[in-house]
Amino acid sequence: MNRLRFVCLATLFFSLRPATAQQQVDLLIRGGSIVDGTGAPARRADVGIRGDRIVLVGDAGRTTAKRIVDARGLIVTPGFIDPHTHTADDLSSVARHRNDAYLMQGVTTVATGNDGESPLNTGATLATWQQQGIGTNAVLFIGQGTVREAVMKMSDARPNEAQLAQMKKLVADAMQQGAIGLSTGLYYAPGSYSSTEEVIELAKTAAKYGGLYDTHMRDESSYNIGLMGSVRETIRIGREAHLPVMISHIKALGADVWGQSTAVIQLIDEARASGVDITASQYPYTASGTSVTASLVPRWAEANGNLLHNLSDPALHDRLVKEMTVNLARRGGADTLLMTSAKDKSIVGKTLAQIAKERGVSPVEAAIQIDKAGGSDVASFNMKESDIEAFMKQPWVMTCSDGSEGHPRKYGTFPRKIREYVDNRHVLTLEQAIRSGTSLPAETLHIKDRGVLKIGYFADVLVFDPKTFTDVSTYQSPRQLAKGVRYLAVNGMLAVDNGALTNQLAGRPLRHQ
């Protein structure tokens, strides 16, 4: 047995050793500027791939290869890891499972099931992805809102003992089937109806299986407990449930809380110093993506699935208008809400102010009409660049897209961050920006052997042209693929070859162990 162990270890050592002697690789990326994901300075080096692993980072010497990529003048990095997407439906779709929008940004792994909304059956979803193939690797959260709705529908009541036990079992089942943790959308119904104590109990269940807690916080503005109160709630959940916590798309949303980034950063730094494992993700846009309902309608109006009834109830009309008017002011007014996706196609591309003017009604009345007609997604312009940059500079903030249809972030987040905040604004160095999209999310999500260009790690490797790497998507034309990715390997197979998507479905569902 000892001899067998020695032989196995020796075989592994020699298969992963640097290329001081001649060796054969499947793909050799030669002469590029390596930014390895750790934050270390860029350096010139070669990268060799055999099978699905990196076997060389350094001087290729006499290495031979089945395929050689000339990377002179290009940047070579780990593939990006996006910790917050809404790609579960895309990955499960036969038409969209290649995940083109992300591959063309250089993203090789996505997390989905965020904001408390996920497939209920984790095991079945991961099995579907495995069976039909996916273009990127993917990990999956179990959504607290999904779990609550399965047990309590859209009730705003507190769960009784039996209901809470049932929710905990659903979370435990998901974790055992491979979910990486629990996500919440405490701003949205039905998650918003949950007490902190209820969430802590479910988070404790995820913690038993080594999971983490990801949250769209209860308030990023001044809707209820406020931005600072929500950060404190998140810290409390992490401390009492004993698990890592990640604040999704951290921001100061709306004029009421502009400038509070300084206080939020101090609060998080203090929590980290006290032993709470807390991080955050962020997208590099001044507009969030949400819906007319979520941004303006009070949550009580959605309780028990009675939204349309309550919107049409004359007895509730004055109360709704009053509260929606306050919420509209929080968002910055009707000019800041741009319709991006709606059943009524005639309103897409128009602001709420434009629609109200065309219809001869107030903006709030126009919003009620839109919701009655099926609703609309919106781009909500509500952030200040100074807050965005303050958060972005923190070593515990990683890049995410929060990709949703109708918002350019689904197609442009990662190249935009480099173009705008590295090249143009000089907020970050290239090395810092790459780390925030590679090794930091890999560590946060507990994704093993990815996120760094390192011998023995999985061969998720991006080669991009720094002169042309840019986002093309806009608020007016959000579904435009990014440019500048020359080559992208997912598990050692080229998903992008010389700037063009291939037909490879090399991604894998990554089950939490």
Protein backbone atom coordinates (compact mmCIF):
# COMPACT_ATOMS: atom_id res chain seq x y z
CA MET A 1 0.00 0.00 0.00
CA ASN A 2 2.80 2.45 0.87
CA ARG A 3 4.55 1.66 -2.41
CA LEU A 4 1.33 2.29 -4.33
CA ARG A 5 0.88 5.63 -2.55
CA PHE A 6 4.45 6.60 -3.44
CA VAL A 7 3.92 5.74 -7.10
CA CYS A 8 0.69 7.77 -7.23
CA LEU A 9 2.29 10.80 -5.60
CA ALA A 10 5.30 10.57 -7.87
CA THR A 11 3.06 10.39 -10.93
CA LEU A 12 1.11 13.44 -9.79
CA PHE A 13 4.31 15.37 -9.07
CA PHE A 14 5.84 14.75 -12.45
CA SER A 15 2.59 15.45 -14.31
CA LEU A 16 2.34 18.89 -12.66
CA ARG A 17 6.03 19.86 -12.63
CA PRO A 18 7.24 22.99 -14.47
CA ALA A 19 8.51 22.38 -17.98
CA THR A 20 12.23 22.23 -17.33
CA ALA A 21 12.35 19.23 -19.64
CA GLN A 22 10.44 18.55 -22.83
CA GLN A 23 6.80 17.70 -22.29
CA GLN A 24 3.64 17.54 -24.35
CA VAL A 25 0.56 19.70 -23.65
CA ASP A 26 -2.76 20.03 -25.40
CA LEU A 27 -2.80 23.83 -25.46
CA LEU A 28 0.13 26.20 -25.00
CA ILE A 29 -0.55 29.91 -24.51
CA ARG A 30 2.79 31.50 -25.26
CA GLY A 31 4.21 34.95 -24.61
CA GLY A 32 1.29 36.66 -22.87
CA SER A 33 1.25 39.06 -19.94
CA ILE A 34 0.12 36.92 -17.03
CA VAL A 35 -2.15 38.40 -14.35
CA ASP A 36 -2.55 35.31 -12.21
CA GLY A 37 -5.54 36.36 -10.05
CA THR A 38 -3.73 36.69 -6.74
CA GLY A 39 -3.09 40.41 -7.06
CA ALA A 40 0.59 39.86 -7.85
CA PRO A 41 2.16 42.09 -10.52
CA ALA A 42 1.75 41.09 -14.14
CA ARG A 43 4.61 39.12 -15.67
CA ARG A 44 5.49 37.56 -18.98
CA ALA A 45 4.95 33.79 -18.89
CA ASP A 46 3.58 30.85 -20.81
CA VAL A 47 0.61 28.70 -19.76
CA GLY A 48 0.32 25.03 -20.64
CA ILE A 49 -2.89 22.99 -20.42
CA ARG A 50 -3.24 19.22 -20.48
CA GLY A 51 -6.74 17.80 -20.26
CA ASP A 52 -8.72 19.99 -17.87
CA ARG A 53 -5.76 21.17 -15.78
CA ILE A 54 -3.02 23.76 -15.91
CA VAL A 55 0.35 21.96 -16.01
CA LEU A 56 2.67 24.86 -16.77
CA VAL A 57 2.96 28.50 -15.72
CA GLY A 58 6.36 29.90 -16.62
CA ASP A 59 8.89 29.37 -19.39
CA ALA A 60 7.63 26.69 -21.78
CA GLY A 61 11.15 25.85 -22.85
CA ARG A 62 11.07 22.84 -25.18
CA THR A 63 7.42 22.06 -24.46
CA THR A 64 5.50 20.80 -27.48
CA ALA A 65 1.78 21.31 -27.95
CA LYS A 66 -1.09 20.12 -30.08
CA ARG A 67 -2.20 23.76 -30.33
CA ILE A 68 -0.18 26.93 -29.72
CA VAL A 69 -1.80 30.32 -29.09
CA ASP A 70 0.40 33.36 -29.68
CA ALA A 71 -0.50 35.66 -26.78
CA ARG A 72 2.10 38.37 -27.35
CA GLY A 73 0.50 41.73 -26.60
CA LEU A 74 -2.43 40.03 -24.87
CA ILE A 75 -3.45 39.60 -21.21
CA VAL A 76 -3.77 36.08 -19.78
CA THR A 77 -5.83 35.65 -16.62
CA PRO A 78 -8.01 33.08 -14.86
CA GLY A 79 -11.54 32.96 -16.21
CA PHE A 80 -13.82 35.31 -14.30
CA ILE A 81 -16.13 33.97 -11.60
CA ASP A 82 -19.43 35.83 -11.22
CA PRO A 83 -20.89 35.34 -7.72
CA HIS A 84 -24.32 36.78 -8.52
CA THR A 85 -26.23 36.08 -11.72
CA HIS A 86 -29.75 35.17 -12.72
CA THR A 87 -28.78 32.43 -15.15
CA ALA A 88 -30.66 29.42 -13.74
CA ASP A 89 -33.29 29.59 -16.48
CA ASP A 90 -30.66 30.24 -19.16
CA LEU A 91 -28.60 27.22 -18.13
CA SER A 92 -31.70 25.02 -18.06
CA SER A 93 -32.78 26.19 -21.52
CA VAL A 94 -31.79 24.20 -24.58
CA ALA A 95 -31.56 27.47 -26.53
CA ARG A 96 -29.47 29.47 -24.05
CA HIS A 97 -27.44 26.97 -22.03
CA ARG A 98 -24.16 27.96 -23.70
CA ASN A 99 -24.38 31.19 -21.68
CA ASP A 100 -23.00 33.37 -24.49
CA ALA A 101 -23.39 36.67 -22.66
CA TYR A 102 -20.98 35.50 -19.98
CA LEU A 103 -18.49 33.60 -22.14
CA MET A 104 -17.91 36.69 -24.25
CA GLN A 105 -17.04 38.65 -21.10
CA GLY A 106 -14.46 36.03 -20.12
CA VAL A 107 -16.63 34.48 -17.41
CA THR A 108 -16.05 30.75 -16.91
CA THR A 109 -18.08 30.18 -13.70
CA VAL A 110 -21.39 31.67 -12.58
CA ALA A 111 -23.30 31.50 -9.31
CA THR A 112 -27.07 31.60 -9.55
CA GLY A 113 -30.12 31.20 -7.34
CA ASN A 114 -29.39 34.60 -5.76
CA ASP A 115 -31.79 37.15 -4.25
CA GLY A 116 -33.72 34.40 -2.47
CA GLU A 117 -35.06 33.04 -5.77
CA SER A 118 -33.87 29.66 -7.02
CA PRO A 119 -35.09 26.33 -8.33
CA LEU A 120 -36.58 24.43 -5.41
CA ASN A 121 -35.05 21.08 -6.39
CA THR A 122 -31.29 21.63 -6.40
CA GLY A 123 -30.41 18.07 -7.28
CA ALA A 124 -32.71 17.90 -10.29
CA THR A 125 -31.44 21.24 -11.60
CA LEU A 126 -27.79 20.27 -11.35
CA ALA A 127 -28.58 16.92 -13.00
CA THR A 128 -30.27 18.73 -15.91
CA TRP A 129 -27.21 20.91 -16.41
CA GLN A 130 -24.97 17.87 -16.31
CA GLN A 131 -27.10 15.95 -18.79
CA GLN A 132 -27.69 18.59 -21.45
CA GLY A 133 -24.40 20.43 -21.02
CA ILE A 134 -23.66 24.05 -20.11
CA GLY A 135 -21.21 26.55 -21.48
CA THR A 136 -19.89 27.87 -18.18
CA ASN A 137 -19.34 26.19 -14.86
CA ALA A 138 -22.16 26.94 -12.42
CA VAL A 139 -22.91 26.80 -8.71
CA LEU A 140 -26.36 27.12 -7.19
CA PHE A 141 -27.80 28.72 -4.05
CA ILE A 142 -31.07 27.64 -2.47
CA GLY A 143 -33.33 30.69 -2.24
CA GLN A 144 -34.99 31.50 1.06
CA GLY A 145 -37.86 33.22 -0.73
CA THR A 146 -38.43 30.13 -2.85
CA VAL A 147 -38.40 27.93 0.25
CA ARG A 148 -40.79 30.22 2.14
CA GLU A 149 -43.21 30.42 -0.77
CA ALA A 150 -43.21 26.62 -1.11
CA VAL A 151 -44.31 26.30 2.52
CA MET A 152 -46.35 29.46 3.13
CA LYS A 153 -47.15 30.79 -0.36
CA MET A 154 -47.18 34.61 -0.29
CA SER A 155 -48.36 34.91 3.30
CA ASP A 156 -46.87 37.70 5.40
CA ALA A 157 -47.47 35.73 8.61
CA ARG A 158 -44.75 34.36 10.83
CA PRO A 159 -44.19 30.62 10.41
CA ASN A 160 -45.36 28.27 13.12
CA GLU A 161 -43.06 25.57 14.46
CA ALA A 162 -44.10 22.99 11.88
CA GLN A 163 -43.71 25.42 8.97
CA LEU A 164 -40.26 26.49 10.13
CA ALA A 165 -39.22 22.84 10.45
CA GLN A 166 -40.44 22.20 6.91
CA MET A 167 -38.44 25.16 5.58
CA LYS A 168 -35.30 23.98 7.38
CA LYS A 169 -35.72 20.54 5.84
CA LEU A 170 -35.96 22.03 2.35
CA VAL A 171 -32.73 23.96 2.96
CA ALA A 172 -31.03 20.84 4.33
CA ASP A 173 -32.17 18.81 1.33
CA ALA A 174 -30.78 21.42 -1.06
CA MET A 175 -27.44 21.55 0.74
CA GLN A 176 -27.17 17.76 0.64
CA GLN A 177 -27.91 17.86 -3.09
CA GLY A 178 -25.06 20.31 -3.79
CA ALA A 179 -26.24 23.88 -3.09
CA ILE A 180 -23.42 26.16 -1.96
CA GLY A 181 -25.49 28.10 0.54
CA LEU A 182 -28.61 30.08 1.30
CA SER A 183 -29.56 33.25 -0.55
CA THR A 184 -32.10 35.84 0.53
CA GLY A 185 -33.94 38.71 -1.10
CA LEU A 186 -35.19 40.40 2.05
CA TYR A 187 -36.20 43.48 0.06
CA TYR A 188 -38.59 41.42 -2.07
CA ALA A 189 -41.78 39.55 -1.24
CA PRO A 190 -42.04 36.95 0.24
CA GLY A 191 -38.56 37.22 1.79
CA SER A 192 -39.43 40.65 3.12
CA TYR A 193 -42.08 39.07 5.35
CA SER A 194 -39.42 37.06 7.22
CA SER A 195 -38.06 38.14 10.58
CA THR A 196 -34.33 38.18 11.23
CA GLU A 197 -34.77 35.27 13.61
CA GLU A 198 -36.50 33.18 10.92
CA VAL A 199 -33.62 33.82 8.52
CA ILE A 200 -31.04 32.95 11.18
CA GLU A 201 -32.66 29.55 11.72
CA LEU A 202 -32.44 28.73 8.01
CA ALA A 203 -28.89 30.08 7.84
CA LYS A 204 -27.93 27.79 10.71
CA THR A 205 -29.14 24.86 8.63
CA ALA A 206 -26.96 25.92 5.70
CA ALA A 207 -24.04 26.39 8.10
CA LYS A 208 -24.27 22.75 9.22
CA TYR A 209 -23.25 21.76 5.71
CA GLY A 210 -20.49 24.33 5.32
CA GLY A 211 -22.63 26.70 3.29
CA LEU A 212 -22.53 30.48 3.06
CA TYR A 213 -25.17 33.20 3.24
CA ASP A 214 -25.72 35.55 0.30
CA THR A 215 -28.15 38.43 0.65
CA HIS A 216 -29.93 41.15 -1.24
CA MET A 217 -30.39 43.07 1.99
CA ARG A 218 -33.68 44.19 3.45
CA ASP A 219 -32.97 47.80 2.58
CA GLU A 220 -30.28 49.49 0.47
CA SER A 221 -31.95 52.87 0.93
CA SER A 222 -34.48 54.18 3.45
CA TYR A 223 -37.51 52.00 2.69
CA ASN A 224 -37.72 50.31 6.11
CA ILE A 225 -34.73 49.65 8.42
CA GLY A 226 -32.33 51.65 6.27
CA LEU A 227 -28.99 50.83 4.68
CA MET A 228 -27.01 50.81 7.93
CA GLY A 229 -29.69 48.78 9.71
CA SER A 230 -29.58 46.20 6.94
CA VAL A 231 -25.81 45.86 7.14
CA ARG A 232 -26.13 45.33 10.89
CA GLU A 233 -28.82 42.69 10.30
CA THR A 234 -26.53 40.89 7.85
CA ILE A 235 -23.65 40.94 10.32
CA ARG A 236 -25.93 39.59 13.03
CA ILE A 237 -27.04 36.71 10.80
CA GLY A 238 -23.44 35.78 10.08
CA ARG A 239 -22.41 36.00 13.72
CA GLU A 240 -25.35 34.07 15.18
CA ALA A 241 -25.60 31.44 12.43
CA HIS A 242 -21.82 30.99 12.33
CA LEU A 243 -21.33 31.13 8.59
CA PRO A 244 -19.69 33.43 6.02
CA VAL A 245 -21.95 36.18 4.65
CA MET A 246 -21.83 38.02 1.33
CA ILE A 247 -23.72 41.25 0.68
CA SER A 248 -24.91 41.14 -2.90
CA HIS A 249 -24.44 44.17 -5.15
CA ILE A 250 -23.47 46.48 -2.30
CA LYS A 251 -24.63 50.03 -2.92
CA ALA A 252 -26.08 53.23 -1.47
CA LEU A 253 -29.37 53.44 -3.35
CA GLY A 254 -30.99 56.85 -3.65
CA ALA A 255 -30.35 60.38 -2.43
CA ASP A 256 -31.43 59.52 1.12
CA VAL A 257 -28.31 57.39 1.62
CA TRP A 258 -25.78 58.82 -0.81
CA GLY A 259 -22.45 59.19 0.96
CA GLN A 260 -23.12 56.44 3.49
CA SER A 261 -20.55 54.18 1.82
CA THR A 262 -17.93 55.47 4.29
CA ALA A 263 -19.98 54.41 7.32
CA VAL A 264 -20.90 51.06 5.73
CA ILE A 265 -17.25 50.30 4.98
CA GLN A 266 -16.27 51.14 8.56
CA LEU A 267 -19.03 48.90 9.94
CA ILE A 268 -17.98 45.97 7.76
CA ASP A 269 -14.30 46.43 8.57
CA GLU A 270 -15.14 46.37 12.27
CA ALA A 271 -17.19 43.20 11.83
CA ARG A 272 -14.38 41.52 9.92
CA ALA A 273 -11.91 42.50 12.62
CA SER A 274 -14.21 40.93 15.23
CA GLY A 275 -14.22 37.59 13.39
CA VAL A 276 -17.29 37.80 11.12
CA ASP A 277 -16.44 36.48 7.65
CA ILE A 278 -18.20 39.12 5.55
CA THR A 279 -17.62 40.12 1.93
CA ALA A 280 -19.62 41.89 -0.77
CA SER A 281 -20.14 41.90 -4.52
CA GLN A 282 -20.76 44.88 -6.78
CA TYR A 283 -21.62 45.73 -10.38
CA PRO A 284 -20.00 48.79 -12.04
CA TYR A 285 -23.12 50.70 -13.09
CA THR A 286 -25.00 53.68 -11.66
CA ALA A 287 -28.36 52.04 -12.39
CA SER A 288 -29.76 49.04 -10.58
CA GLY A 289 -32.10 46.59 -12.24
CA THR A 290 -35.48 45.87 -10.69
CA SER A 291 -39.16 46.17 -11.56
CA VAL A 292 -41.85 48.83 -11.28
CA THR A 293 -43.49 46.73 -8.58
CA ALA A 294 -40.36 46.17 -6.49
CA SER A 295 -39.19 49.76 -6.72
CA LEU A 296 -42.48 51.54 -6.00
CA VAL A 297 -45.23 49.31 -4.62
CA PRO A 298 -45.24 48.76 -0.82
CA ARG A 299 -44.82 45.13 0.21
CA TRP A 300 -48.13 44.95 2.07
CA ALA A 301 -49.87 45.32 -1.27
CA GLU A 302 -48.27 42.08 -2.52
CA ALA A 303 -49.14 39.96 0.52
CA ASN A 304 -51.09 36.76 -0.10
CA GLY A 305 -50.79 37.26 -3.86
CA ASN A 306 -53.32 40.09 -3.84
CA LEU A 307 -51.32 42.67 -5.80
CA LEU A 308 -53.74 43.14 -8.71
CA HIS A 309 -56.74 43.18 -6.40
CA ASN A 310 -55.15 45.80 -4.14
CA LEU A 311 -54.06 47.95 -7.09
CA SER A 312 -57.68 48.05 -8.24
CA ASP A 313 -59.32 48.55 -4.83
CA PRO A 314 -60.70 52.14 -4.58
CA ALA A 315 -60.52 51.94 -0.79
CA LEU A 316 -56.74 51.45 -0.96
CA HIS A 317 -55.99 53.85 -3.80
CA ASP A 318 -55.10 56.96 -1.79
CA ARG A 319 -52.86 54.98 0.56
CA LEU A 320 -51.07 53.34 -2.38
CA VAL A 321 -50.54 56.63 -4.17
CA LYS A 322 -49.18 58.28 -1.03
CA GLU A 323 -46.67 55.49 -0.29
CA MET A 324 -45.66 55.03 -3.92
CA THR A 325 -45.02 58.77 -4.21
CA VAL A 326 -42.57 58.55 -1.31
CA ASN A 327 -40.88 55.52 -2.88
CA LEU A 328 -40.60 57.31 -6.21
CA ALA A 329 -38.82 60.18 -4.48
CA ARG A 330 -36.38 57.68 -2.92
CA ARG A 331 -35.58 56.46 -6.43
CA GLY A 332 -34.87 59.99 -7.61
CA GLY A 333 -38.06 60.72 -9.51
CA ALA A 334 -39.84 59.47 -12.61
CA ASP A 335 -36.98 60.43 -14.94
CA THR A 336 -34.73 57.82 -13.28
CA LEU A 337 -36.88 54.76 -14.07
CA LEU A 338 -36.29 53.41 -17.59
CA MET A 339 -38.53 50.57 -18.81
CA THR A 340 -36.38 47.71 -20.07
CA SER A 341 -38.67 44.69 -20.50
CA ALA A 342 -42.47 44.60 -20.44
CA LYS A 343 -45.47 42.77 -21.85
CA ASP A 344 -46.52 46.11 -23.31
CA LYS A 345 -43.64 46.58 -25.77
CA SER A 346 -44.69 50.16 -26.50
CA ILE A 347 -43.26 51.38 -23.17
CA VAL A 348 -39.83 49.73 -23.46
CA GLY A 349 -37.07 52.32 -23.78
CA LYS A 350 -39.15 55.07 -22.19
CA THR A 351 -38.88 56.57 -18.74
CA LEU A 352 -41.78 56.61 -16.33
CA ALA A 353 -41.88 60.39 -16.76
CA GLN A 354 -42.28 60.06 -20.53
CA ILE A 355 -45.03 57.47 -20.20
CA ALA A 356 -46.91 59.60 -17.66
CA LYS A 357 -46.71 62.64 -19.95
CA GLU A 358 -47.93 60.67 -22.97
CA ARG A 359 -50.90 59.34 -20.98
CA GLY A 360 -51.72 62.59 -19.23
CA VAL A 361 -51.52 61.11 -15.73
CA SER A 362 -49.18 61.39 -12.77
CA PRO A 363 -46.08 59.14 -12.71
CA VAL A 364 -47.53 57.06 -9.87
CA GLU A 365 -50.81 56.56 -11.74
CA ALA A 366 -48.79 55.52 -14.78
CA ALA A 367 -46.87 53.02 -12.63
CA ILE A 368 -50.14 51.52 -11.36
CA GLN A 369 -51.37 51.21 -14.94
CA ILE A 370 -48.14 49.47 -15.95
CA ASP A 371 -48.43 46.96 -13.11
CA LYS A 372 -52.06 46.24 -13.96
CA ALA A 373 -50.99 45.54 -17.55
CA GLY A 374 -48.39 42.96 -16.50
CA GLY A 375 -45.59 45.06 -15.07
CA SER A 376 -42.18 46.04 -16.38
CA ASP A 377 -38.54 45.62 -15.50
CA VAL A 378 -36.68 48.88 -15.07
CA ALA A 379 -33.20 50.30 -14.98
CA SER A 380 -33.25 52.53 -11.92
CA PHE A 381 -30.60 55.27 -11.97
CA ASN A 382 -30.01 55.76 -8.27
CA MET A 383 -26.29 55.60 -7.40
CA LYS A 384 -23.42 58.07 -7.15
CA GLU A 385 -20.01 57.34 -8.63
CA SER A 386 -18.28 58.36 -5.40
CA ASP A 387 -20.05 55.57 -3.50
CA ILE A 388 -19.43 53.06 -6.29
CA GLU A 389 -15.72 53.83 -6.27
CA ALA A 390 -15.47 53.78 -2.48
CA PHE A 391 -16.93 50.28 -2.32
CA MET A 392 -14.92 49.09 -5.31
CA LYS A 393 -11.61 49.90 -3.64
CA GLN A 394 -12.24 47.56 -0.70
CA PRO A 395 -10.24 44.31 -0.80
CA TRP A 396 -13.36 42.36 0.25
CA VAL A 397 -15.51 43.57 -2.66
CA MET A 398 -15.71 41.35 -5.74
CA THR A 399 -17.24 41.88 -9.17
CA CYS A 400 -20.72 40.60 -9.99
CA SER A 401 -23.15 41.26 -12.81
CA ASP A 402 -26.53 40.61 -11.15
CA GLY A 403 -27.31 39.99 -14.80
CA SER A 404 -30.95 40.49 -15.75
CA GLU A 405 -32.64 40.94 -19.10
CA GLY A 406 -32.89 44.52 -20.26
CA HIS A 407 -29.89 45.77 -18.26
CA PRO A 408 -26.49 46.02 -19.99
CA ARG A 409 -24.71 44.49 -16.99
CA LYS A 410 -25.65 40.96 -18.10
CA TYR A 411 -23.52 41.45 -21.21
CA GLY A 412 -20.90 43.97 -20.16
CA THR A 413 -19.98 43.93 -16.45
CA PHE A 414 -16.46 42.51 -16.49
CA PRO A 415 -15.00 44.36 -19.49
CA ARG A 416 -16.73 47.55 -18.37
CA LYS A 417 -15.05 47.42 -14.97
CA ILE A 418 -11.62 47.14 -16.58
CA ARG A 419 -12.27 49.72 -19.27
CA GLU A 420 -13.96 52.29 -17.05
CA TYR A 421 -12.39 51.82 -13.62
CA VAL A 422 -8.90 50.62 -14.55
CA ASP A 423 -8.13 52.29 -17.88
CA ASN A 424 -10.20 55.48 -17.68
CA ARG A 425 -10.71 56.37 -14.03
CA HIS A 426 -7.67 54.59 -12.49
CA VAL A 427 -9.70 53.52 -9.46
CA LEU A 428 -8.05 50.08 -9.45
CA THR A 429 -4.96 48.55 -10.95
CA LEU A 430 -5.46 45.79 -13.48
CA GLU A 431 -4.16 43.28 -10.95
CA GLN A 432 -6.71 44.41 -8.35
CA ALA A 433 -9.57 44.27 -10.85
CA ILE A 434 -8.62 40.76 -11.97
CA ARG A 435 -8.35 39.54 -8.36
CA SER A 436 -11.83 40.93 -7.60
CA GLY A 437 -13.24 38.79 -10.40
CA THR A 438 -11.22 35.59 -9.92
CA SER A 439 -9.51 34.42 -6.73
CA LEU A 440 -11.68 36.50 -4.36
CA PRO A 441 -15.02 35.02 -5.54
CA ALA A 442 -13.42 31.55 -5.72
CA GLU A 443 -12.40 31.83 -2.06
CA THR A 444 -15.73 33.34 -1.04
CA LEU A 445 -17.84 30.70 -2.78
CA HIS A 446 -15.51 27.88 -1.68
CA ILE A 447 -14.84 26.89 -5.29
CA LYS A 448 -11.80 24.63 -5.21
CA ASP A 449 -8.87 24.84 -7.65
CA ARG A 450 -10.20 27.74 -9.68
CA GLY A 451 -9.65 31.49 -9.78
CA VAL A 452 -5.84 31.43 -10.03
CA LEU A 453 -3.40 30.57 -12.82
CA LYS A 454 -1.59 27.86 -10.92
CA ILE A 455 -0.22 24.43 -11.72
CA GLY A 456 -2.78 21.79 -10.80
CA TYR A 457 -5.75 24.15 -11.00
CA PHE A 458 -8.58 23.68 -13.48
CA ALA A 459 -7.84 25.21 -16.87
CA ASP A 460 -10.34 28.07 -16.87
CA VAL A 461 -8.15 30.56 -18.73
CA LEU A 462 -8.96 33.89 -20.39
CA VAL A 463 -6.86 35.61 -23.07
CA PHE A 464 -8.03 39.12 -23.95
CA ASP A 465 -6.78 42.05 -25.99
CA PRO A 466 -6.34 45.06 -23.67
CA LYS A 467 -6.82 47.42 -26.62
CA THR A 468 -10.26 46.12 -27.57
CA PHE A 469 -11.65 44.50 -24.40
CA THR A 470 -14.83 46.50 -23.83
CA ASP A 471 -18.54 46.35 -23.20
CA VAL A 472 -20.85 47.12 -26.10
CA SER A 473 -24.21 46.74 -24.37
CA THR A 474 -26.12 49.90 -23.48
CA TYR A 475 -29.42 50.71 -21.79
CA GLN A 476 -30.93 51.24 -25.21
CA SER A 477 -29.35 48.07 -26.71
CA PRO A 478 -28.58 45.84 -23.73
CA ARG A 479 -28.11 42.50 -25.52
CA GLN A 480 -24.86 43.29 -27.31
CA LEU A 481 -22.01 40.83 -26.74
CA ALA A 482 -18.78 42.24 -25.35
CA LYS A 483 -15.64 42.48 -27.49
CA GLY A 484 -11.99 41.70 -26.94
CA VAL A 485 -12.00 38.12 -25.66
CA ARG A 486 -9.60 36.33 -28.00
CA TYR A 487 -9.51 32.92 -26.34
CA LEU A 488 -11.37 31.39 -23.43
CA ALA A 489 -10.75 27.89 -22.08
CA VAL A 490 -13.35 26.26 -19.84
CA ASN A 491 -11.99 23.12 -18.20
CA GLY A 492 -9.29 23.06 -20.86
CA MET A 493 -11.60 23.30 -23.88
CA LEU A 494 -11.83 26.43 -26.01
CA ALA A 495 -15.25 28.04 -25.65
CA VAL A 496 -13.98 31.12 -27.52
CA ASP A 497 -11.41 30.62 -30.27
CA ASN A 498 -9.83 33.61 -32.00
CA GLY A 499 -12.71 35.83 -30.87
CA ALA A 500 -15.54 33.53 -31.94
CA LEU A 501 -17.78 31.31 -29.85
CA THR A 502 -17.33 27.60 -30.44
CA ASN A 503 -19.91 24.88 -29.97
CA GLN A 504 -18.20 23.48 -26.89
CA LEU A 505 -20.31 22.90 -23.80
CA ALA A 506 -17.36 22.44 -21.47
CA GLY A 507 -18.93 23.86 -18.30
CA ARG A 508 -19.78 21.73 -15.30
CA PRO A 509 -22.28 22.00 -12.46
CA LEU A 510 -20.09 22.38 -9.37
CA ARG A 511 -21.70 20.67 -6.41
CA HIS A 512 -20.86 21.85 -2.93
CA GLN A 513 -19.28 19.05 -0.95
